[in-house]
C-alpha atoms as a PDB file:
ATOM      1  CA  MET A   1      33.124 -17.562 -56.658  1.00  0.00           C
ATOM      2  CA  ASN A   2      34.864 -20.073 -54.884  1.00  0.00           C
ATOM      3  CA  PRO A   3      32.435 -23.432 -54.332  1.00  0.00           C
ATOM      4  CA  SER A   4      33.498 -23.835 -50.779  1.00  0.00           C
ATOM      5  CA  TYR A   5      33.124 -20.450 -49.803  1.00  0.00           C
ATOM      6  CA  LEU A   6      29.561 -20.426 -51.375  1.00  0.00           C
ATOM      7  CA  MET A   7      28.654 -23.529 -49.306  1.00  0.00           C
ATOM      8  CA  ARG A   8      30.045 -21.919 -45.937  1.00  0.00           C
ATOM      9  CA  THR A   9      28.090 -18.632 -46.778  1.00  0.00           C
ATOM     10  CA  LEU A  10      24.894 -20.456 -47.457  1.00  0.00           C
ATOM     11  CA  SER A  11      25.344 -22.707 -44.215  1.00  0.00           C
ATOM     12  CA  LEU A  12      25.959 -19.468 -42.235  1.00  0.00           C
ATOM     13  CA  ALA A  13      22.895 -18.093 -43.491  1.00  0.00           C
ATOM     14  CA  ILE A  14      20.694 -21.007 -42.924  1.00  0.00           C
ATOM     15  CA  CYS A  15      22.447 -21.211 -38.949  1.00  0.00           C
ATOM     16  CA  LEU A  16      21.209 -17.633 -38.602  1.00  0.00           C
ATOM     17  CA  SER A  17      17.880 -18.000 -40.177  1.00  0.00           C
ATOM     18  CA  LEU A  18      17.174 -20.895 -37.760  1.00  0.00           C
ATOM     19  CA  ALA A  19      18.313 -19.084 -34.586  1.00  0.00           C
ATOM     20  CA  GLY A  20      16.263 -16.264 -35.393  1.00  0.00           C
ATOM     21  CA  ALA A  21      13.105 -18.591 -35.792  1.00  0.00           C
ATOM     22  CA  GLY A  22      14.408 -20.105 -32.522  1.00  0.00           C
ATOM     23  CA  GLY A  23      14.412 -17.043 -30.780  1.00  0.00           C
ATOM     24  CA  ALA A  24      11.065 -15.929 -32.130  1.00  0.00           C
ATOM     25  CA  ALA A  25       9.493 -19.315 -31.107  1.00  0.00           C
ATOM     26  CA  GLN A  26      11.164 -18.365 -27.579  1.00  0.00           C
ATOM     27  CA  ALA A  27       9.694 -14.970 -27.589  1.00  0.00           C
ATOM     28  CA  GLN A  28       6.246 -16.025 -28.465  1.00  0.00           C
ATOM     29  CA  PRO A  29       5.143 -17.680 -25.372  1.00  0.00           C
ATOM     30  CA  ALA A  30       5.571 -14.858 -23.228  1.00  0.00           C
ATOM     31  CA  LYS A  31       2.916 -12.893 -25.480  1.00  0.00           C
ATOM     32  CA  ASN A  32       0.410 -15.727 -24.857  1.00  0.00           C
ATOM     33  CA  TYR A  33       1.455 -16.241 -21.007  1.00  0.00           C
ATOM     34  CA  GLU A  34      -1.248 -17.399 -18.912  1.00  0.00           C
ATOM     35  CA  PRO A  35      -0.882 -17.285 -15.186  1.00  0.00           C
ATOM     36  CA  GLN A  36      -1.723 -20.196 -13.217  1.00  0.00           C
ATOM     37  CA  VAL A  37      -3.616 -19.784  -9.888  1.00  0.00           C
ATOM     38  CA  GLY A  38      -1.136 -21.287  -7.409  1.00  0.00           C
ATOM     39  CA  GLN A  39       1.815 -20.710  -9.239  1.00  0.00           C
ATOM     40  CA  GLU A  40       5.204 -19.921  -7.427  1.00  0.00           C
ATOM     41  CA  GLY A  41       6.282 -16.664  -6.741  1.00  0.00           C
ATOM     42  CA  LYS A  42       9.253 -15.167  -4.856  1.00  0.00           C
ATOM     43  CA  ASP A  43       7.350 -14.505  -1.854  1.00  0.00           C
ATOM     44  CA  VAL A  44       3.855 -15.797  -2.246  1.00  0.00           C
ATOM     45  CA  VAL A  45       2.113 -18.006  -4.548  1.00  0.00           C
ATOM     46  CA  TRP A  46      -0.283 -16.141  -7.206  1.00  0.00           C
ATOM     47  CA  VAL A  47      -3.957 -15.915  -6.556  1.00  0.00           C
ATOM     48  CA  PRO A  48      -5.941 -13.239  -8.126  1.00  0.00           C
ATOM     49  CA  THR A  49      -7.783 -10.865  -5.888  1.00  0.00           C
ATOM     50  CA  PRO A  50     -11.664 -11.181  -6.871  1.00  0.00           C
ATOM     51  CA  GLN A  51     -12.749  -8.193  -8.698  1.00  0.00           C
ATOM     52  CA  GLU A  52     -15.878  -7.499  -5.975  1.00  0.00           C
ATOM     53  CA  LEU A  53     -12.949  -7.417  -3.555  1.00  0.00           C
ATOM     54  CA  VAL A  54     -10.809  -5.132  -5.644  1.00  0.00           C
ATOM     55  CA  ASP A  55     -13.872  -2.833  -5.640  1.00  0.00           C
ATOM     56  CA  LYS A  56     -14.593  -2.985  -1.990  1.00  0.00           C
ATOM     57  CA  MET A  57     -10.757  -2.340  -1.203  1.00  0.00           C
ATOM     58  CA  LEU A  58     -10.624   0.830  -3.205  1.00  0.00           C
ATOM     59  CA  ASN A  59     -13.876   1.893  -2.015  1.00  0.00           C
ATOM     60  CA  MET A  60     -12.502   1.598   1.548  1.00  0.00           C
ATOM     61  CA  ALA A  61      -9.538   3.463   0.790  1.00  0.00           C
ATOM     62  CA  LYS A  62     -11.936   6.397  -0.832  1.00  0.00           C
ATOM     63  CA  VAL A  63      -9.604   6.348  -3.670  1.00  0.00           C
ATOM     64  CA  THR A  64     -10.211   9.292  -5.681  1.00  0.00           C
ATOM     65  CA  PRO A  65      -8.414  10.835  -9.011  1.00  0.00           C
ATOM     66  CA  LYS A  66      -6.206  12.799  -6.752  1.00  0.00           C
ATOM     67  CA  ASP A  67      -4.685   9.717  -5.129  1.00  0.00           C
ATOM     68  CA  TYR A  68      -1.412   7.881  -6.126  1.00  0.00           C
ATOM     69  CA  VAL A  69      -2.117   4.077  -5.534  1.00  0.00           C
ATOM     70  CA  ILE A  70       0.613   1.644  -5.371  1.00  0.00           C
ATOM     71  CA  ASP A  71      -0.098  -2.345  -5.731  1.00  0.00           C
ATOM     72  CA  LEU A  72       2.351  -4.635  -3.904  1.00  0.00           C
ATOM     73  CA  GLY A  73       2.503  -7.668  -5.739  1.00  0.00           C
ATOM     74  CA  SER A  74       0.396  -6.652  -8.613  1.00  0.00           C
ATOM     75  CA  GLY A  75      -0.051  -9.648 -10.416  1.00  0.00           C
ATOM     76  CA  ASP A  76      -1.860  -9.517 -13.687  1.00  0.00           C
ATOM     77  CA  GLY A  77      -2.736  -5.734 -12.852  1.00  0.00           C
ATOM     78  CA  ARG A  78      -6.269  -5.657 -11.947  1.00  0.00           C
ATOM     79  CA  THR A  79      -6.166  -3.592  -8.835  1.00  0.00           C
ATOM     80  CA  VAL A  80      -3.879  -1.092 -10.541  1.00  0.00           C
ATOM     81  CA  ILE A  81      -6.137  -1.065 -13.625  1.00  0.00           C
ATOM     82  CA  THR A  82      -9.348  -0.674 -11.533  1.00  0.00           C
ATOM     83  CA  ALA A  83      -7.823   2.373  -9.718  1.00  0.00           C
ATOM     84  CA  ALA A  84      -6.710   3.853 -12.861  1.00  0.00           C
ATOM     85  CA  LYS A  85     -10.173   3.654 -14.468  1.00  0.00           C
ATOM     86  CA  ARG A  86     -11.398   5.760 -11.419  1.00  0.00           C
ATOM     87  CA  GLY A  87      -8.836   8.374 -12.491  1.00  0.00           C
ATOM     88  CA  SER A  88      -6.263   7.697 -10.360  1.00  0.00           C
ATOM     89  CA  LYS A  89      -2.436   7.467 -11.014  1.00  0.00           C
ATOM     90  CA  ALA A  90      -1.478   3.992 -10.283  1.00  0.00           C
ATOM     91  CA  HIS A  91       1.480   1.820 -10.043  1.00  0.00           C
ATOM     92  CA  GLY A  92       2.187  -1.964  -9.549  1.00  0.00           C
ATOM     93  CA  ILE A  93       5.412  -3.598  -8.019  1.00  0.00           C
ATOM     94  CA  GLU A  94       5.690  -7.150  -9.394  1.00  0.00           C
ATOM     95  CA  TYR A  95       8.574  -9.378  -9.123  1.00  0.00           C
ATOM     96  CA  ASN A  96       7.698 -11.854 -12.139  1.00  0.00           C
ATOM     97  CA  PRO A  97       8.554 -10.271 -15.395  1.00  0.00           C
ATOM     98  CA  ASP A  98       5.852 -12.162 -17.452  1.00  0.00           C
ATOM     99  CA  MET A  99       3.310 -11.046 -15.031  1.00  0.00           C
ATOM    100  CA  VAL A 100       4.499  -7.175 -15.532  1.00  0.00           C
ATOM    101  CA  GLU A 101       4.190  -7.577 -19.168  1.00  0.00           C
ATOM    102  CA  LEU A 102       0.710  -9.364 -18.894  1.00  0.00           C
ATOM    103  CA  ALA A 103      -0.255  -6.576 -16.813  1.00  0.00           C
ATOM    104  CA  LYS A 104       1.121  -3.783 -19.317  1.00  0.00           C
ATOM    105  CA  ARG A 105      -0.933  -5.609 -21.888  1.00  0.00           C
ATOM    106  CA  ASN A 106      -4.235  -5.911 -19.765  1.00  0.00           C
ATOM    107  CA  ALA A 107      -3.714  -1.992 -19.126  1.00  0.00           C
ATOM    108  CA  ALA A 108      -3.461  -1.170 -22.859  1.00  0.00           C
ATOM    109  CA  LYS A 109      -6.735  -3.279 -23.698  1.00  0.00           C
ATOM    110  CA  GLU A 110      -8.574  -1.270 -21.086  1.00  0.00           C
ATOM    111  CA  GLY A 111      -7.196   2.194 -22.099  1.00  0.00           C
ATOM    112  CA  VAL A 112      -5.452   3.027 -19.205  1.00  0.00           C
ATOM    113  CA  SER A 113      -1.689   2.901 -20.257  1.00  0.00           C
ATOM    114  CA  ASP A 114      -1.219   6.658 -19.287  1.00  0.00           C
ATOM    115  CA  LYS A 115      -2.380   6.008 -15.609  1.00  0.00           C
ATOM    116  CA  ALA A 116      -1.544   2.391 -14.716  1.00  0.00           C
ATOM    117  CA  THR A 117       2.369   1.665 -15.019  1.00  0.00           C
ATOM    118  CA  PHE A 118       4.042  -1.470 -13.734  1.00  0.00           C
ATOM    119  CA  VAL A 119       7.623  -2.505 -12.582  1.00  0.00           C
ATOM    120  CA  LYS A 120       9.658  -5.673 -12.104  1.00  0.00           C
ATOM    121  CA  ALA A 121      11.187  -4.907  -8.818  1.00  0.00           C
ATOM    122  CA  ASP A 122      11.327  -6.349  -5.191  1.00  0.00           C
ATOM    123  CA  LEU A 123       8.975  -5.374  -2.583  1.00  0.00           C
ATOM    124  CA  PHE A 124      11.623  -5.024   0.086  1.00  0.00           C
ATOM    125  CA  GLU A 125      13.673  -2.766  -1.933  1.00  0.00           C
ATOM    126  CA  SER A 126      11.100  -0.508  -3.484  1.00  0.00           C
ATOM    127  CA  ASP A 127      10.024   3.072  -2.709  1.00  0.00           C
ATOM    128  CA  PHE A 128       6.411   3.389  -2.072  1.00  0.00           C
ATOM    129  CA  SER A 129       6.812   6.538  -0.004  1.00  0.00           C
ATOM    130  CA  GLN A 130       4.744   8.761  -2.449  1.00  0.00           C
ATOM    131  CA  ALA A 131       1.622   6.812  -2.390  1.00  0.00           C
ATOM    132  CA  GLN A 132      -1.459   7.839  -0.660  1.00  0.00           C
ATOM    133  CA  VAL A 133      -2.967   4.421  -0.869  1.00  0.00           C
ATOM    134  CA  ILE A 134      -1.173   1.083  -1.043  1.00  0.00           C
ATOM    135  CA  THR A 135      -3.111  -2.147  -1.541  1.00  0.00           C
ATOM    136  CA  MET A 136      -1.628  -5.707  -1.331  1.00  0.00           C
ATOM    137  CA  PHE A 137      -2.530  -9.420  -1.278  1.00  0.00           C
ATOM    138  CA  LEU A 138       0.376 -11.075   0.589  1.00  0.00           C
ATOM    139  CA  LEU A 139       0.739 -13.422   3.500  1.00  0.00           C
ATOM    140  CA  SER A 140       0.424 -11.864   7.138  1.00  0.00           C
ATOM    141  CA  SER A 141       4.344 -12.660   7.591  1.00  0.00           C
ATOM    142  CA  ILE A 142       5.038 -10.486   4.488  1.00  0.00           C
ATOM    143  CA  ASN A 143       2.867  -7.970   5.903  1.00  0.00           C
ATOM    144  CA  MET A 144       4.729  -7.977   9.251  1.00  0.00           C
ATOM    145  CA  LYS A 145       8.034  -7.807   7.373  1.00  0.00           C
ATOM    146  CA  LEU A 146       6.758  -4.504   5.471  1.00  0.00           C
ATOM    147  CA  ARG A 147       5.252  -3.252   8.660  1.00  0.00           C
ATOM    148  CA  PRO A 148       7.954  -0.987  10.176  1.00  0.00           C
ATOM    149  CA  LYS A 149       8.209   0.608   6.604  1.00  0.00           C
ATOM    150  CA  ILE A 150       4.625   1.325   6.320  1.00  0.00           C
ATOM    151  CA  LEU A 151       4.521   3.030   9.783  1.00  0.00           C
ATOM    152  CA  ASP A 152       7.034   5.247   8.528  1.00  0.00           C
ATOM    153  CA  LEU A 153       4.949   6.388   5.864  1.00  0.00           C
ATOM    154  CA  LYS A 154       3.180   9.810   5.968  1.00  0.00           C
ATOM    155  CA  PRO A 155       0.315  10.031   8.351  1.00  0.00           C
ATOM    156  CA  GLY A 156      -2.948   9.516   6.658  1.00  0.00           C
ATOM    157  CA  THR A 157      -1.567   7.061   4.170  1.00  0.00           C
ATOM    158  CA  ARG A 158      -4.384   4.261   3.743  1.00  0.00           C
ATOM    159  CA  ILE A 159      -3.291   0.444   3.419  1.00  0.00           C
ATOM    160  CA  VAL A 160      -5.742  -2.013   2.336  1.00  0.00           C
ATOM    161  CA  SER A 161      -5.111  -5.803   2.639  1.00  0.00           C
ATOM    162  CA  ASN A 162      -6.852  -8.552   0.914  1.00  0.00           C
ATOM    163  CA  THR A 163      -7.365 -11.217   4.100  1.00  0.00           C
ATOM    164  CA  PHE A 164      -4.086 -11.143   5.272  1.00  0.00           C
ATOM    165  CA  ASP A 165      -3.643  -8.851   8.706  1.00  0.00           C
ATOM    166  CA  MET A 166      -0.635  -7.173  10.474  1.00  0.00           C
ATOM    167  CA  GLY A 167      -0.361  -8.788  13.849  1.00  0.00           C
ATOM    168  CA  GLU A 168      -1.319  -6.659  16.887  1.00  0.00           C
ATOM    169  CA  TRP A 169      -1.613  -3.667  14.579  1.00  0.00           C
ATOM    170  CA  LYS A 170      -5.672  -3.956  14.532  1.00  0.00           C
ATOM    171  CA  PRO A 171      -7.254  -2.441  11.367  1.00  0.00           C
ATOM    172  CA  ASP A 172      -9.345   0.496  11.201  1.00  0.00           C
ATOM    173  CA  GLU A 173     -11.961  -1.060   9.042  1.00  0.00           C
ATOM    174  CA  THR A 174     -12.831  -4.567   8.273  1.00  0.00           C
ATOM    175  CA  ALA A 175     -15.270  -5.511   5.446  1.00  0.00           C
ATOM    176  CA  ASN A 176     -16.374  -8.130   3.169  1.00  0.00           C
ATOM    177  CA  ALA A 177     -17.283  -8.029  -0.387  1.00  0.00           C
ATOM    178  CA  GLU A 178     -20.957  -9.144  -1.648  1.00  0.00           C
ATOM    179  CA  GLY A 179     -21.079 -11.427  -4.165  1.00  0.00           C
ATOM    180  CA  CYS A 180     -17.495 -12.651  -3.839  1.00  0.00           C
ATOM    181  CA  SER A 181     -16.815 -16.424  -2.740  1.00  0.00           C
ATOM    182  CA  ASN A 182     -13.200 -16.563  -1.930  1.00  0.00           C
ATOM    183  CA  TRP A 183     -10.457 -14.375  -0.661  1.00  0.00           C
ATOM    184  CA  CYS A 184     -13.537 -11.853   0.039  1.00  0.00           C
ATOM    185  CA  THR A 185     -12.355  -9.958   3.598  1.00  0.00           C
ATOM    186  CA  ALA A 186     -10.383  -6.432   3.363  1.00  0.00           C
ATOM    187  CA  TYR A 187      -8.710  -4.790   6.128  1.00  0.00           C
ATOM    188  CA  LEU A 188      -7.969  -1.047   6.155  1.00  0.00           C
ATOM    189  CA  TRP A 189      -5.311   0.743   8.179  1.00  0.00           C
ATOM    190  CA  ILE A 190      -4.620   4.632   8.230  1.00  0.00           C
ATOM    191  CA  VAL A 191      -0.910   5.194   8.993  1.00  0.00           C
ATOM    192  CA  PRO A 192      -1.067   7.067  12.258  1.00  0.00           C
ATOM    193  CA  ALA A 193       1.194  10.206  13.197  1.00  0.00           C
ATOM    194  CA  LYS A 194       3.771   9.387  15.936  1.00  0.00           C
ATOM    195  CA  VAL A 195       2.798  11.163  19.192  1.00  0.00           C
ATOM    196  CA  GLY A 196       4.539   9.117  21.924  1.00  0.00           C
ATOM    197  CA  GLY A 197       6.536  11.306  24.273  1.00  0.00           C
ATOM    198  CA  THR A 198       5.696  14.150  26.549  1.00  0.00           C
ATOM    199  CA  TRP A 199       3.891  17.643  25.251  1.00  0.00           C
ATOM    200  CA  LYS A 200       3.952  20.973  26.736  1.00  0.00           C
ATOM    201  CA  LEU A 201       0.677  22.684  27.116  1.00  0.00           C
ATOM    202  CA  PRO A 202       0.297  26.489  28.177  1.00  0.00           C
ATOM    203  CA  ASN A 203      -1.375  25.179  31.516  1.00  0.00           C
ATOM    204  CA  GLY A 204       0.068  21.371  31.796  1.00  0.00           C
ATOM    205  CA  GLU A 205       2.016  18.837  30.653  1.00  0.00           C
ATOM    206  CA  LEU A 206       0.575  15.759  28.390  1.00  0.00           C
ATOM    207  CA  THR A 207       2.465  12.258  28.709  1.00  0.00           C
ATOM    208  CA  LEU A 208       1.313  10.120  25.688  1.00  0.00           C
ATOM    209  CA  LYS A 209       1.912   6.326  25.044  1.00  0.00           C
ATOM    210  CA  GLN A 210       1.309   5.278  21.480  1.00  0.00           C
ATOM    211  CA  THR A 211       0.153   1.553  20.447  1.00  0.00           C
ATOM    212  CA  PHE A 212      -0.126   2.101  16.731  1.00  0.00           C
ATOM    213  CA  GLN A 213      -3.433   4.282  16.340  1.00  0.00           C
ATOM    214  CA  MET A 214      -4.260   3.662  20.133  1.00  0.00           C
ATOM    215  CA  ILE A 215      -2.996   6.232  22.716  1.00  0.00           C
ATOM    216  CA  SER A 216      -2.954   6.534  26.469  1.00  0.00           C
ATOM    217  CA  GLY A 217      -1.214   8.594  29.161  1.00  0.00           C
ATOM    218  CA  THR A 218      -1.832  11.164  31.622  1.00  0.00           C
ATOM    219  CA  LEU A 219      -2.542  15.050  31.672  1.00  0.00           C
ATOM    220  CA  LYS A 220      -1.197  17.022  34.334  1.00  0.00           C
ATOM    221  CA  SER A 221      -2.632  20.589  34.990  1.00  0.00           C
ATOM    222  CA  GLY A 222      -1.397  21.854  38.568  1.00  0.00           C
ATOM    223  CA  ASN A 223      -1.561  19.388  40.857  1.00  0.00           C
ATOM    224  CA  VAL A 224      -4.416  17.299  39.113  1.00  0.00           C
ATOM    225  CA  ILE A 225      -3.396  14.365  36.977  1.00  0.00           C
ATOM    226  CA  ALA A 226      -6.079  12.898  34.799  1.00  0.00           C
ATOM    227  CA  PRO A 227      -5.618   9.520  32.761  1.00  0.00           C
ATOM    228  CA  ILE A 228      -6.399   9.953  28.762  1.00  0.00           C
ATOM    229  CA  LYS A 229      -7.561   7.538  26.343  1.00  0.00           C
ATOM    230  CA  GLY A 230      -7.694   8.434  22.545  1.00  0.00           C
ATOM    231  CA  LYS A 231      -6.981   7.346  18.997  1.00  0.00           C
ATOM    232  CA  LEU A 232      -5.450   8.822  15.936  1.00  0.00           C
ATOM    233  CA  ASN A 233      -6.854   8.775  12.443  1.00  0.00           C
ATOM    234  CA  GLY A 234      -3.890   9.582  10.375  1.00  0.00           C
ATOM    235  CA  ASP A 235      -2.637  13.257  11.678  1.00  0.00           C
ATOM    236  CA  GLN A 236      -5.805  13.948  13.276  1.00  0.00           C
ATOM    237  CA  ILE A 237      -5.975  13.214  17.359  1.00  0.00           C
ATOM    238  CA  THR A 238      -8.816  12.768  19.672  1.00  0.00           C
ATOM    239  CA  PHE A 239      -8.830  11.850  23.278  1.00  0.00           C
ATOM    240  CA  SER A 240     -10.492  12.325  26.676  1.00  0.00           C
ATOM    241  CA  ALA A 241      -9.195  13.526  29.930  1.00  0.00           C
ATOM    242  CA  GLY A 242     -11.270  13.860  33.033  1.00  0.00           C
ATOM    243  CA  GLU A 243     -14.047  16.135  31.883  1.00  0.00           C
ATOM    244  CA  GLY A 244     -12.639  17.271  28.633  1.00  0.00           C
ATOM    245  CA  HIS A 245     -12.770  15.930  25.134  1.00  0.00           C
ATOM    246  CA  TYR A 246     -10.181  17.180  22.869  1.00  0.00           C
ATOM    247  CA  THR A 247      -9.803  17.006  18.999  1.00  0.00           C
ATOM    248  CA  GLY A 248      -7.011  18.377  17.032  1.00  0.00           C
ATOM    249  CA  ARG A 249      -4.303  17.895  14.177  1.00  0.00           C
ATOM    250  CA  VAL A 250      -0.684  16.632  14.709  1.00  0.00           C
ATOM    251  CA  ASN A 251       2.058  18.517  12.706  1.00  0.00           C
ATOM    252  CA  GLY A 252       5.551  16.786  13.609  1.00  0.00           C
ATOM    253  CA  ASN A 253       6.229  18.182  17.132  1.00  0.00           C
ATOM    254  CA  SER A 254       3.047  20.321  17.413  1.00  0.00           C
ATOM    255  CA  MET A 255      -0.468  20.010  17.629  1.00  0.00           C
ATOM    256  CA  ALA A 256      -3.555  22.090  18.229  1.00  0.00           C
ATOM    257  CA  GLY A 257      -7.360  21.808  18.104  1.00  0.00           C
ATOM    258  CA  THR A 258     -10.417  22.464  20.092  1.00  0.00           C
ATOM    259  CA  LEU A 259     -12.318  21.213  23.291  1.00  0.00           C
ATOM    260  CA  LYS A 260     -15.808  19.934  22.774  1.00  0.00           C
ATOM    261  CA  SER A 261     -16.780  22.511  25.503  1.00  0.00           C
ATOM    262  CA  GLY A 262     -15.459  25.323  23.487  1.00  0.00           C
ATOM    263  CA  GLY A 263     -11.967  26.875  23.584  1.00  0.00           C
ATOM    264  CA  LYS A 264      -8.865  25.861  21.711  1.00  0.00           C
ATOM    265  CA  TRP A 265      -5.876  24.049  22.913  1.00  0.00           C
ATOM    266  CA  SER A 266      -2.143  23.740  21.492  1.00  0.00           C
ATOM    267  CA  ALA A 267       0.788  21.418  22.610  1.00  0.00           C
ATOM    268  CA  THR A 268       4.201  21.430  21.467  1.00  0.00           C
ATOM    269  CA  ARG A 269       6.543  18.235  22.222  1.00  0.00           C
ATOM    270  CA  SER A 270       9.228  18.380  24.770  1.00  0.00           C
ATOM    271  CA  GLY A 271      12.875  17.568  23.703  1.00  0.00           C
ATOM    272  CA  LYS A 272      13.206  15.310  27.208  1.00  0.00           C
END
């Protein structure tokens, strides 16, 4: 064999071996990745939600095995994993690929990889319309940017946030976690049905103005016009008009229910 050819072959083999070793060395830190509290992220710095508050948030949302839970900015995966341990199918959306892999390893350690999934994605480009419960620990400014998309979700979808609110959309419930020292406040919102507009009743007309889950307006029956005040809880509506107390359920452009005094009522949204 030509000596010079042999030397070139050996040199190439050594270079490839070193390159492979270097690649393995570069890949190794990801397996030992340890996030640092306060580290920079795409939209927010990373701070883990205390486990006590994770439990409180999922309790407030009344998470069951029938629910699909999506965590926005899932970090090390603890909220998704906790939901999965409760029997729910849960999914985490996280922009940092190292965090995504860490969360997957954590889920595997806890034996819930079949229920806990994670994806590297941008929150603002993600579809979370299939969730029954959404959890998040973001800034109020990020919550506000997401708010229009959240309000378009299916009525009854439960939204739970650690510490940060959604501006003038007041939470349906606020709670603090016991045994928690930092980042211990949870807010719950229930996405309301959209009921603003004019509704026709068999014996009158209902005009509703909606501000998130709160409603106001008038009920006209004959020559009598009564102011109304009420609230939505997902697709459930309650309001008072004069001496009448109404409860019912909204289904798109129709709603129906019962009167506290007895009897039933129904209404259909007008096209005008």
